[in-house]
Amino acid sequence: MRLIDRLTGRLPMYRLVTLSLLVLLAASVALSAAGLIFYSPLALLVSAAVTVGATWGATRLLGIAFDARPHDESSVITGLILFFLFLPTLEPVGLSVLALAGAIAAASKFLLVRHRRHLFNPAAISAFLVGLTGLGAAGWWVATPVLAPLVAVLGLLIAVRTRTLGMVALFAGLAFVLVVVQLVPFSAGLGEAAGLALGSYPILFLAGFLLTEPQTLPPRRWQRFAVAVVVAVLFAIPISFGFSAGTFYLSQEFALVVGNAVAALLALPSGARLRYTARHQVAPGVYEFVFAPDRPVRVLPGQYVELDLPHAKPDKRGRRRHLTVVGARSNELRVAVKTSEPGSTFKRALTALAPGDEVRLTTVGGDFLLPADSRIPVLLAAGGIGVTPFVRHLEADAESGVDRDVTLVLRAPSAEEAPYLRTVARLARHVILVTPDPPADPPANVAWAPSLDEAFGRVDRLPERRVYASGSPSFLEQARRALRAAGARRVHTDLFSGY
């Protein structure tokens, strides 16, 4: 996972998915030219052009109608996924069905929404609705043995980057077992059944490219696991309903649509409006932004919020971001952002807010929670702005009168550039500041260490402690290595990838 983070960390999430789908398209064309895929290269290229063009064009038109700025790369992704779901063709009628699927997928992003988040995976809901019309049906032709290894690798990259590997593994494993159990009586044995399940069922593609879509995922880990189980069961077990007009069979896309509905019920998007009230500098280039919600918002210590910040010409990363909460009360929500480095249009719009401006809180989620049993000693390791969830943890413990054995290690370029240093020094039992040079006037409760290795070496009873690390990918990699060398067991991490 660390290697994948290093290889893909500089790519925005949308770009990684787009490139993965384009690689899969190129491989499909090459395999078709070699006679290993039934459909001709021309049929593949024309079908891809139709699904992508129809999705992109419909999204543009609907953006004008709804006075919304569409996300072009998202449209390309949806169109490419539809291409792999519907059978490639050169027939005018078949191409018309592909165009209809693209238009429906685009419309779902504007019509089937709640608090500006679409409720269903656009490709899945489009395939399901097209199937209901009787004009066509998804064939999931991507589920072919020659593409399975590449689909597995690319899906793994996406699952790791989206931090959904556990959910993906649960879905894929459960669906695989359920499918194999049904195939064994009709095959030559367990090996043949397993090969058919992996090579001829879209388990890998659905898991890596559709189930991982951030917009339709619930925020908590247990909620995602619940969705994975629901989708796997509906995916694998053949269910049909008889009507006077015929028989209706549940499809793979229907399984995902139901999973999306379950996710929407579990996530319960907030939709609260946050009025910007003030900002405070907590370190050079780091500011705390204070908002007043229009109604009470429950945020557990260590959780994040997703903010929707409308602004002109948003970049490819869009107008929504996950921000870790540094403070939360019934009438106040605080987040901290590093503004010193060139960032996204979202970050620039955030720093340009004036008192009274509003943003929307669309989701509360995350599982970066300390043990419920406060008698368990913990070690908190933070790199720079990664200290923000720990500030919230420590303040919540102090407000609740919880006496927890906490040692906090904070790395920064200098004591002056360490966010919330005096706050955590006041709240934690032990604080070790890691900087290249000794601080001139550190708080009384702060010790100094020149490296993470030395800092972790000073932590008493380290193997007994629950360890939590928060910061950039490079910091987390260094911290894991130093923690394991010092005797730590498992490290819970919270990634700050930048925005």
Protein backbone atom coordinates (compact mmCIF):
# COMPACT_ATOMS: atom_id res chain seq x y z
CA MET A 1 0.00 0.00 0.00
CA ARG A 2 2.86 2.41 0.76
CA LEU A 3 4.37 1.69 -2.67
CA ILE A 4 1.04 2.38 -4.36
CA ASP A 5 0.72 5.64 -2.42
CA ARG A 6 4.16 6.71 -3.65
CA LEU A 7 3.40 5.77 -7.26
CA THR A 8 -0.04 7.34 -7.46
CA GLY A 9 0.07 9.99 -4.73
CA ARG A 10 0.63 12.89 -7.13
CA LEU A 11 -2.37 11.98 -9.27
CA PRO A 12 -5.78 13.41 -8.34
CA MET A 13 -8.26 10.63 -7.67
CA TYR A 14 -10.33 11.38 -10.78
CA ARG A 15 -7.21 11.32 -12.94
CA LEU A 16 -6.15 7.94 -11.59
CA VAL A 17 -9.55 6.42 -12.40
CA THR A 18 -9.61 8.03 -15.85
CA LEU A 19 -6.15 6.75 -16.72
CA SER A 20 -7.00 3.28 -15.41
CA LEU A 21 -10.08 3.09 -17.61
CA LEU A 22 -8.14 4.36 -20.63
CA VAL A 23 -5.46 1.73 -20.05
CA LEU A 24 -8.21 -0.88 -19.91
CA LEU A 25 -9.69 0.50 -23.15
CA ALA A 26 -6.31 0.42 -24.90
CA ALA A 27 -5.71 -3.15 -23.71
CA SER A 28 -9.15 -4.17 -24.96
CA VAL A 29 -8.45 -2.76 -28.42
CA ALA A 30 -5.06 -4.48 -28.56
CA LEU A 31 -6.52 -7.82 -27.47
CA SER A 32 -9.32 -7.40 -30.00
CA ALA A 33 -6.78 -6.81 -32.77
CA ALA A 34 -5.03 -10.00 -31.65
CA GLY A 35 -8.30 -11.92 -31.92
CA LEU A 36 -8.62 -12.48 -28.16
CA ILE A 37 -11.78 -10.42 -27.72
CA PHE A 38 -14.92 -11.08 -29.76
CA TYR A 39 -15.70 -7.45 -30.63
CA SER A 40 -13.78 -5.67 -33.38
CA PRO A 41 -11.41 -2.80 -32.60
CA LEU A 42 -13.63 -0.43 -34.59
CA ALA A 43 -16.72 -1.47 -32.60
CA LEU A 44 -14.83 -0.90 -29.35
CA LEU A 45 -13.59 2.56 -30.35
CA VAL A 46 -16.91 3.74 -31.79
CA SER A 47 -18.89 2.47 -28.78
CA ALA A 48 -16.48 4.16 -26.38
CA ALA A 49 -16.77 7.42 -28.31
CA VAL A 50 -20.57 7.26 -28.19
CA THR A 51 -20.88 6.51 -24.47
CA VAL A 52 -18.28 9.13 -23.47
CA GLY A 53 -19.61 11.72 -25.93
CA ALA A 54 -23.24 11.23 -24.92
CA THR A 55 -22.45 11.37 -21.21
CA TRP A 56 -20.25 14.44 -21.59
CA GLY A 57 -22.67 16.26 -23.89
CA ALA A 58 -25.73 15.54 -21.76
CA THR A 59 -23.89 16.63 -18.63
CA ARG A 60 -22.92 19.90 -20.29
CA LEU A 61 -26.50 20.62 -21.38
CA LEU A 62 -27.91 19.73 -17.97
CA GLY A 63 -25.28 21.90 -16.31
CA ILE A 64 -26.61 24.85 -18.28
CA ALA A 65 -30.21 23.95 -17.43
CA PHE A 66 -29.47 23.58 -13.70
CA ASP A 67 -27.01 26.49 -13.60
CA ALA A 68 -24.26 24.17 -12.38
CA ARG A 69 -20.67 23.76 -13.51
CA PRO A 70 -20.23 20.12 -14.65
CA HIS A 71 -17.16 18.07 -13.85
CA ASP A 72 -15.83 17.01 -17.25
CA GLU A 73 -13.53 14.27 -16.01
CA SER A 74 -16.33 12.73 -13.99
CA SER A 75 -18.39 12.57 -17.19
CA VAL A 76 -15.55 10.82 -19.00
CA ILE A 77 -15.25 8.27 -16.21
CA THR A 78 -18.98 7.54 -16.26
CA GLY A 79 -18.96 7.20 -20.05
CA LEU A 80 -16.02 4.79 -20.00
CA ILE A 81 -17.63 2.64 -17.31
CA LEU A 82 -20.82 2.47 -19.40
CA PHE A 83 -18.67 1.37 -22.33
CA PHE A 84 -17.47 -1.63 -20.36
CA LEU A 85 -21.01 -2.47 -19.22
CA PHE A 86 -22.91 -2.39 -22.55
CA LEU A 87 -22.01 -4.63 -25.47
CA PRO A 88 -19.92 -2.82 -28.13
CA THR A 89 -21.64 -2.47 -31.49
CA LEU A 90 -21.61 -0.70 -34.84
CA GLU A 91 -25.36 -1.04 -35.36
CA PRO A 92 -27.28 2.30 -35.30
CA VAL A 93 -29.92 0.93 -32.91
CA GLY A 94 -27.30 -0.38 -30.52
CA LEU A 95 -25.37 2.90 -30.63
CA SER A 96 -28.61 4.74 -29.87
CA VAL A 97 -29.03 2.62 -26.73
CA LEU A 98 -25.48 3.51 -25.69
CA ALA A 99 -26.23 7.20 -26.18
CA LEU A 100 -29.43 6.82 -24.14
CA ALA A 101 -27.44 5.15 -21.34
CA GLY A 102 -25.01 8.08 -21.31
CA ALA A 103 -27.83 10.62 -21.17
CA ILE A 104 -29.59 8.80 -18.31
CA ALA A 105 -26.32 8.54 -16.38
CA ALA A 106 -25.76 12.28 -16.79
CA ALA A 107 -29.33 13.09 -15.73
CA SER A 108 -29.03 10.98 -12.59
CA LYS A 109 -26.29 13.31 -11.30
CA PHE A 110 -28.72 16.23 -11.39
CA LEU A 111 -32.04 14.58 -10.55
CA LEU A 112 -31.27 11.76 -8.10
CA VAL A 113 -29.39 13.88 -5.57
CA ARG A 114 -29.49 14.83 -1.93
CA HIS A 115 -27.59 17.82 -0.61
CA ARG A 116 -25.74 18.10 -3.93
CA ARG A 117 -24.50 14.48 -3.80
CA HIS A 118 -25.82 11.98 -6.30
CA LEU A 119 -27.36 9.01 -4.54
CA PHE A 120 -26.60 6.29 -7.09
CA ASN A 121 -23.60 5.36 -9.15
CA PRO A 122 -24.52 7.01 -12.48
CA ALA A 123 -23.40 4.08 -14.64
CA ALA A 124 -25.19 1.50 -12.48
CA ILE A 125 -28.50 3.38 -12.24
CA SER A 126 -28.37 4.07 -15.99
CA ALA A 127 -27.79 0.41 -16.83
CA PHE A 128 -30.63 -0.58 -14.51
CA LEU A 129 -33.09 1.94 -15.98
CA VAL A 130 -32.16 1.10 -19.57
CA GLY A 131 -32.84 -2.54 -18.73
CA LEU A 132 -36.28 -1.61 -17.43
CA THR A 133 -37.16 0.08 -20.74
CA GLY A 134 -36.55 -3.17 -22.59
CA LEU A 135 -34.50 -1.32 -25.23
CA GLY A 136 -31.25 -2.91 -24.10
CA ALA A 137 -29.41 -4.44 -21.20
CA ALA A 138 -25.95 -4.30 -19.67
CA GLY A 139 -23.81 -7.23 -20.73
CA TRP A 140 -20.76 -6.48 -18.53
CA TRP A 141 -18.53 -7.70 -21.38
CA VAL A 142 -15.48 -6.48 -19.42
CA ALA A 143 -15.80 -9.73 -17.43
CA THR A 144 -13.62 -11.81 -19.72
CA PRO A 145 -10.63 -13.95 -18.69
CA VAL A 146 -8.08 -12.07 -20.82
CA LEU A 147 -8.88 -8.76 -19.10
CA ALA A 148 -9.28 -10.11 -15.56
CA PRO A 149 -5.59 -9.71 -14.46
CA LEU A 150 -5.44 -6.09 -15.64
CA VAL A 151 -8.83 -5.28 -14.09
CA ALA A 152 -7.59 -6.75 -10.79
CA VAL A 153 -4.40 -4.66 -10.78
CA LEU A 154 -6.10 -1.40 -11.73
CA GLY A 155 -8.93 -2.01 -9.27
CA LEU A 156 -6.37 -2.60 -6.53
CA LEU A 157 -4.72 0.77 -7.27
CA ILE A 158 -8.08 2.53 -6.95
CA ALA A 159 -9.09 0.65 -3.78
CA VAL A 160 -5.81 1.54 -2.07
CA ARG A 161 -6.01 5.20 -3.07
CA THR A 162 -9.64 5.50 -1.91
CA ARG A 163 -8.87 3.63 1.34
CA THR A 164 -11.59 1.11 0.52
CA LEU A 165 -9.43 -2.00 0.29
CA GLY A 166 -11.18 -3.73 3.21
CA MET A 167 -14.63 -3.12 1.75
CA VAL A 168 -13.52 -4.21 -1.73
CA ALA A 169 -11.92 -7.37 -0.36
CA LEU A 170 -15.05 -8.23 1.63
CA PHE A 171 -17.33 -7.78 -1.38
CA ALA A 172 -15.06 -9.63 -3.79
CA GLY A 173 -14.41 -12.49 -1.38
CA LEU A 174 -18.03 -12.99 -0.42
CA ALA A 175 -19.33 -12.67 -3.99
CA PHE A 176 -16.64 -15.07 -5.22
CA VAL A 177 -17.54 -17.72 -2.64
CA LEU A 178 -21.28 -17.42 -3.29
CA VAL A 179 -20.81 -17.65 -7.07
CA VAL A 180 -18.44 -20.62 -6.82
CA VAL A 181 -20.85 -22.52 -4.58
CA GLN A 182 -23.53 -22.17 -7.25
CA LEU A 183 -21.19 -23.07 -10.14
CA VAL A 184 -19.61 -26.20 -8.64
CA PRO A 185 -22.56 -28.53 -9.42
CA PHE A 186 -22.47 -27.44 -13.09
CA SER A 187 -18.69 -27.50 -13.66
CA ALA A 188 -15.85 -30.00 -13.71
CA GLY A 189 -14.77 -29.13 -10.21
CA LEU A 190 -13.82 -26.39 -7.79
CA GLY A 191 -10.95 -25.11 -9.96
CA GLU A 192 -13.10 -24.63 -13.03
CA ALA A 193 -15.84 -22.98 -10.96
CA ALA A 194 -13.30 -20.57 -9.42
CA GLY A 195 -11.92 -19.70 -12.85
CA LEU A 196 -15.38 -18.99 -14.19
CA ALA A 197 -16.24 -16.82 -11.19
CA LEU A 198 -13.14 -14.63 -11.59
CA GLY A 199 -13.00 -14.56 -15.37
CA SER A 200 -16.63 -14.47 -16.44
CA TYR A 201 -18.40 -12.63 -13.62
CA PRO A 202 -17.81 -8.85 -13.19
CA ILE A 203 -16.73 -9.23 -9.56
CA LEU A 204 -13.38 -7.49 -10.04
CA PHE A 205 -14.64 -4.62 -12.21
CA LEU A 206 -17.64 -3.84 -10.02
CA ALA A 207 -15.46 -3.96 -6.90
CA GLY A 208 -12.66 -1.76 -8.18
CA PHE A 209 -14.41 0.75 -10.42
CA LEU A 210 -18.01 1.09 -9.19
CA LEU A 211 -18.22 0.08 -5.55
CA THR A 212 -15.35 2.44 -4.66
CA GLU A 213 -17.02 5.60 -5.97
CA PRO A 214 -16.59 8.14 -3.13
CA GLN A 215 -19.86 10.00 -3.75
CA THR A 216 -21.99 6.92 -3.05
CA LEU A 217 -20.02 5.50 -0.10
CA PRO A 218 -21.16 5.83 3.51
CA PRO A 219 -18.54 7.47 5.75
CA ARG A 220 -17.97 4.84 8.46
CA ARG A 221 -16.02 1.61 8.00
CA TRP A 222 -18.74 -0.63 9.44
CA GLN A 223 -21.29 1.02 7.15
CA ARG A 224 -19.12 0.29 4.12
CA PHE A 225 -18.75 -3.32 5.17
CA ALA A 226 -22.53 -3.58 5.51
CA VAL A 227 -22.97 -2.20 1.99
CA ALA A 228 -20.35 -4.63 0.66
CA VAL A 229 -22.27 -7.58 2.12
CA VAL A 230 -25.61 -6.39 0.69
CA VAL A 231 -24.17 -5.87 -2.79
CA ALA A 232 -22.29 -9.21 -2.73
CA VAL A 233 -25.38 -11.20 -1.76
CA LEU A 234 -27.62 -9.54 -4.36
CA PHE A 235 -24.85 -9.82 -6.96
CA ALA A 236 -24.26 -13.52 -6.49
CA ILE A 237 -27.61 -15.05 -5.63
CA PRO A 238 -30.01 -15.35 -8.60
CA ILE A 239 -33.33 -13.76 -7.70
CA SER A 240 -36.27 -13.30 -10.06
CA PHE A 241 -39.84 -12.06 -9.87
CA GLY A 242 -42.61 -13.42 -12.07
CA PHE A 243 -45.19 -11.08 -13.62
CA SER A 244 -47.95 -11.57 -16.15
CA ALA A 245 -45.72 -9.88 -18.72
CA GLY A 246 -42.77 -12.14 -18.00
CA THR A 247 -39.99 -12.68 -15.49
CA PHE A 248 -37.78 -9.94 -14.06
CA TYR A 249 -34.25 -11.01 -13.05
CA LEU A 250 -32.18 -8.98 -10.64
CA SER A 251 -28.94 -7.85 -12.26
CA GLN A 252 -25.45 -6.90 -11.07
CA GLU A 253 -26.24 -3.22 -11.58
CA PHE A 254 -29.40 -3.62 -9.51
CA ALA A 255 -27.28 -5.05 -6.68
CA LEU A 256 -25.12 -1.93 -6.72
CA VAL A 257 -28.13 0.38 -6.90
CA VAL A 258 -29.58 -1.28 -3.79
CA GLY A 259 -26.19 -0.95 -2.11
CA ASN A 260 -26.16 2.75 -2.96
CA ALA A 261 -29.62 3.12 -1.42
CA VAL A 262 -28.47 1.38 1.76
CA ALA A 263 -25.41 3.65 1.85
CA ALA A 264 -27.60 6.74 1.54
CA LEU A 265 -29.76 5.57 4.46
CA LEU A 266 -26.73 4.81 6.62
CA ALA A 267 -24.79 7.95 5.75
CA LEU A 268 -27.62 10.35 6.52
CA PRO A 269 -25.97 13.35 4.80
CA SER A 270 -26.10 16.39 7.03
CA GLY A 271 -26.99 19.17 4.62
CA ALA A 272 -26.34 21.68 7.41
CA ARG A 273 -25.39 25.19 6.39
CA LEU A 274 -22.25 26.60 7.96
CA ARG A 275 -21.87 30.35 8.33
CA TYR A 276 -18.26 31.49 8.27
CA THR A 277 -17.46 33.63 11.31
CA ALA A 278 -13.70 33.99 11.71
CA ARG A 279 -10.25 32.55 11.17
CA HIS A 280 -7.18 32.44 13.39
CA GLN A 281 -3.55 31.77 12.59
CA VAL A 282 -2.25 28.79 14.55
CA ALA A 283 1.18 28.58 12.88
CA PRO A 284 2.90 30.30 9.95
CA GLY A 285 0.78 29.48 6.91
CA VAL A 286 -1.78 27.49 8.95
CA TYR A 287 -5.19 28.94 9.76
CA GLU A 288 -8.15 27.74 11.77
CA PHE A 289 -11.52 28.48 10.15
CA VAL A 290 -14.54 28.87 12.41
CA PHE A 291 -18.11 28.20 11.28
CA ALA A 292 -21.51 28.43 12.95
CA PRO A 293 -23.89 25.61 11.87
CA ASP A 294 -27.56 26.40 11.37
CA ARG A 295 -28.41 23.36 13.50
CA PRO A 296 -26.47 21.09 15.89
CA VAL A 297 -24.05 18.76 14.12
CA ARG A 298 -22.68 15.67 15.87
CA VAL A 299 -19.02 15.06 15.04
CA LEU A 300 -17.08 12.43 16.98
CA PRO A 301 -13.48 13.30 17.91
CA GLY A 302 -11.25 12.24 15.02
CA GLN A 303 -13.94 12.41 12.35
CA TYR A 304 -13.92 14.56 9.23
CA VAL A 305 -16.52 16.72 7.55
CA GLU A 306 -17.06 17.17 3.84
CA LEU A 307 -17.61 20.80 2.91
CA ASP A 308 -19.23 21.95 -0.31
CA LEU A 309 -17.82 25.36 -1.21
CA PRO A 310 -19.28 26.90 -4.39
CA HIS A 311 -16.72 28.99 -6.28
CA ALA A 312 -15.95 30.14 -9.79
CA LYS A 313 -14.04 27.81 -12.09
CA PRO A 314 -13.29 24.95 -9.67
CA ASP A 315 -10.34 22.81 -10.70
CA LYS A 316 -10.51 19.11 -11.51
CA ARG A 317 -10.72 18.24 -7.82
CA GLY A 318 -14.09 19.96 -7.60
CA ARG A 319 -15.78 22.06 -4.95
CA ARG A 320 -15.98 19.52 -2.12
CA ARG A 321 -13.25 18.48 0.33
CA HIS A 322 -12.85 16.32 3.41
CA LEU A 323 -11.43 18.32 6.32
CA THR A 324 -10.61 16.95 9.75
CA VAL A 325 -12.44 18.74 12.54
CA VAL A 326 -10.23 20.42 15.11
CA GLY A 327 -13.09 21.55 17.33
CA ALA A 328 -16.85 21.01 17.50
CA ARG A 329 -19.59 22.30 19.76
CA SER A 330 -23.31 22.70 19.24
CA ASN A 331 -22.86 26.23 17.92
CA GLU A 332 -19.36 26.04 16.44
CA LEU A 333 -17.29 23.95 14.05
CA ARG A 334 -13.56 24.50 13.52
CA VAL A 335 -11.23 23.15 10.83
CA ALA A 336 -7.58 23.97 10.19
CA VAL A 337 -5.98 24.34 6.75
CA LYS A 338 -2.40 24.83 5.60
CA THR A 339 -2.55 27.82 3.27
CA SER A 340 1.16 28.59 2.78
CA GLU A 341 1.61 26.26 -0.22
CA PRO A 342 -0.04 26.71 -3.65
CA GLY A 343 -3.19 24.66 -3.51
CA SER A 344 -6.49 23.97 -5.16
CA THR A 345 -9.19 26.43 -6.12
CA PHE A 346 -11.08 25.08 -3.10
CA LYS A 347 -8.34 26.21 -0.74
CA ARG A 348 -8.11 29.63 -2.36
CA ALA A 349 -11.88 30.05 -2.13
CA LEU A 350 -11.80 29.02 1.53
CA THR A 351 -9.20 31.65 2.39
CA ALA A 352 -11.25 34.27 0.50
CA LEU A 353 -14.41 33.73 2.60
CA ALA A 354 -15.87 36.79 4.27
CA PRO A 355 -17.79 36.70 7.58
CA GLY A 356 -21.37 35.70 6.86
CA ASP A 357 -20.56 33.61 3.79
CA GLU A 358 -22.06 30.12 3.80
CA VAL A 359 -20.79 26.66 2.89
CA ARG A 360 -22.68 23.40 3.10
CA LEU A 361 -21.74 20.45 5.26
CA THR A 362 -22.58 17.38 3.18
CA THR A 363 -21.13 14.48 5.20
CA VAL A 364 -19.71 13.61 8.59
CA GLY A 365 -17.62 10.45 8.75
CA GLY A 366 -14.39 8.69 9.57
CA ASP A 367 -13.17 6.06 12.03
CA PHE A 368 -10.01 7.66 13.43
CA LEU A 369 -11.36 7.23 16.96
CA LEU A 370 -9.48 6.63 20.20
CA PRO A 371 -10.31 3.53 22.30
CA ALA A 372 -13.62 3.70 24.12
CA ASP A 373 -11.77 2.35 27.18
CA SER A 374 -9.81 5.38 28.42
CA ARG A 375 -7.57 3.11 30.53
CA ILE A 376 -5.75 1.98 27.37
CA PRO A 377 -2.59 4.11 26.92
CA VAL A 378 -2.16 5.72 23.51
CA LEU A 379 0.60 7.26 21.43
CA LEU A 380 -0.32 9.98 18.97
CA ALA A 381 2.16 10.80 16.19
CA ALA A 382 1.53 13.83 13.99
CA GLY A 383 3.30 15.48 11.10
CA GLY A 384 2.55 19.22 10.99
CA ILE A 385 -1.09 19.87 10.14
CA GLY A 386 -1.79 16.20 10.89
CA VAL A 387 -2.08 17.19 14.56
CA THR A 388 -5.61 18.53 14.01
CA PRO A 389 -7.56 15.32 14.82
CA PHE A 390 -5.49 14.92 17.99
CA VAL A 391 -6.38 18.42 19.15
CA ARG A 392 -10.02 17.43 18.92
CA HIS A 393 -9.35 14.15 20.77
CA LEU A 394 -7.54 15.89 23.60
CA GLU A 395 -10.06 18.72 23.92
CA ALA A 396 -12.97 16.24 23.99
CA ASP A 397 -11.27 14.21 26.75
CA ALA A 398 -10.68 17.38 28.79
CA GLU A 399 -14.29 18.52 28.35
CA SER A 400 -15.55 15.07 29.45
CA GLY A 401 -13.16 14.77 32.38
CA VAL A 402 -11.44 11.71 30.86
CA ASP A 403 -7.94 11.11 32.22
CA ARG A 404 -6.18 9.23 29.42
CA ASP A 405 -2.50 8.29 29.33
CA VAL A 406 -1.48 10.15 26.16
CA THR A 407 1.95 10.75 24.70
CA LEU A 408 2.01 12.94 21.61
CA VAL A 409 4.90 13.17 19.15
CA LEU A 410 4.70 16.19 16.83
CA ARG A 411 7.14 16.73 13.98
CA ALA A 412 7.54 20.17 12.43
CA PRO A 413 10.26 22.26 10.76
CA SER A 414 10.57 24.31 13.99
CA ALA A 415 8.72 24.99 17.22
CA GLU A 416 7.29 28.19 15.73
CA GLU A 417 5.87 26.19 12.78
CA ALA A 418 4.30 23.46 14.93
CA PRO A 419 0.50 23.95 14.83
CA TYR A 420 -1.30 23.88 18.18
CA LEU A 421 1.92 23.13 20.08
CA ARG A 422 0.89 25.00 23.23
CA THR A 423 -2.63 23.54 23.08
CA VAL A 424 -1.47 19.93 23.00
CA ALA A 425 1.22 20.69 25.59
CA ARG A 426 -1.54 21.79 27.93
CA LEU A 427 -3.78 18.78 27.29
CA ALA A 428 -1.45 15.76 26.83
CA ARG A 429 0.59 14.15 29.59
CA HIS A 430 3.75 14.04 27.49
CA VAL A 431 4.65 15.87 24.30
CA ILE A 432 7.80 15.28 22.26
CA LEU A 433 8.58 17.87 19.60
CA VAL A 434 10.66 16.60 16.68
CA THR A 435 12.53 19.43 14.92
CA PRO A 436 15.99 19.70 13.34
CA ASP A 437 17.16 22.13 16.02
CA PRO A 438 16.26 22.44 19.73
CA PRO A 439 13.48 24.97 20.39
CA ALA A 440 14.55 28.15 22.14
CA ASP A 441 11.60 28.45 24.53
CA PRO A 442 9.38 25.33 24.45
CA PRO A 443 6.33 24.93 26.72
CA ALA A 444 7.09 23.32 30.06
CA ASN A 445 5.50 19.99 29.12
CA VAL A 446 7.39 19.61 25.82
CA ALA A 447 10.56 17.57 25.33
CA TRP A 448 12.71 17.76 22.20
CA ALA A 449 14.06 15.06 19.89
CA PRO A 450 16.00 15.46 16.63
CA SER A 451 14.33 12.48 14.89
CA LEU A 452 11.28 10.27 14.99
CA ASP A 453 13.43 7.27 15.88
CA GLU A 454 14.74 8.98 19.00
CA ALA A 455 11.32 10.36 19.94
CA PHE A 456 9.60 6.97 19.75
CA GLY A 457 12.51 5.39 21.60
CA ARG A 458 11.72 7.60 24.59
CA VAL A 459 8.04 6.62 24.80
CA ASP A 460 7.46 4.41 27.84
CA ARG A 461 5.56 1.13 27.39
CA LEU A 462 5.33 1.66 23.64
CA PRO A 463 4.38 -1.97 22.80
CA GLU A 464 1.39 -1.65 25.15
CA ARG A 465 0.08 1.54 23.57
CA ARG A 466 -2.49 1.97 20.83
CA VAL A 467 -0.68 3.98 18.19
CA TYR A 468 -2.30 6.59 15.94
CA ALA A 469 -0.40 8.47 13.22
CA SER A 470 -1.68 11.39 11.17
CA GLY A 471 -0.03 13.39 8.41
CA SER A 472 1.18 13.33 4.83
CA PRO A 473 1.97 10.07 3.00
CA SER A 474 5.73 10.65 3.41
CA PHE A 475 5.36 11.31 7.13
CA LEU A 476 3.22 8.22 7.64
CA GLU A 477 5.76 6.05 5.85
CA GLN A 478 8.61 7.36 8.01
CA ALA A 479 6.53 7.11 11.17
CA ARG A 480 5.50 3.50 10.50
CA ARG A 481 9.11 2.49 9.94
CA ALA A 482 10.31 4.22 13.11
CA LEU A 483 7.40 2.92 15.19
CA ARG A 484 7.96 -0.68 14.20
CA ALA A 485 11.66 -0.35 14.96
CA ALA A 486 10.70 0.97 18.40
CA GLY A 487 8.40 -1.99 19.11
CA ALA A 488 4.94 -0.69 18.17
CA ARG A 489 2.43 -3.28 17.02
CA ARG A 490 -0.39 -1.92 14.90
CA VAL A 491 -0.48 1.70 13.68
CA HIS A 492 -3.83 3.37 12.93
CA THR A 493 -3.36 6.08 10.31
CA ASP A 494 -5.14 9.17 9.01
CA LEU A 495 -3.85 10.37 5.64
CA PHE A 496 -3.56 14.09 4.80
CA SER A 497 -3.00 14.00 1.03
CA GLY A 498 -3.35 17.72 0.41
CA TYR A 499 -6.06 19.72 -1.35
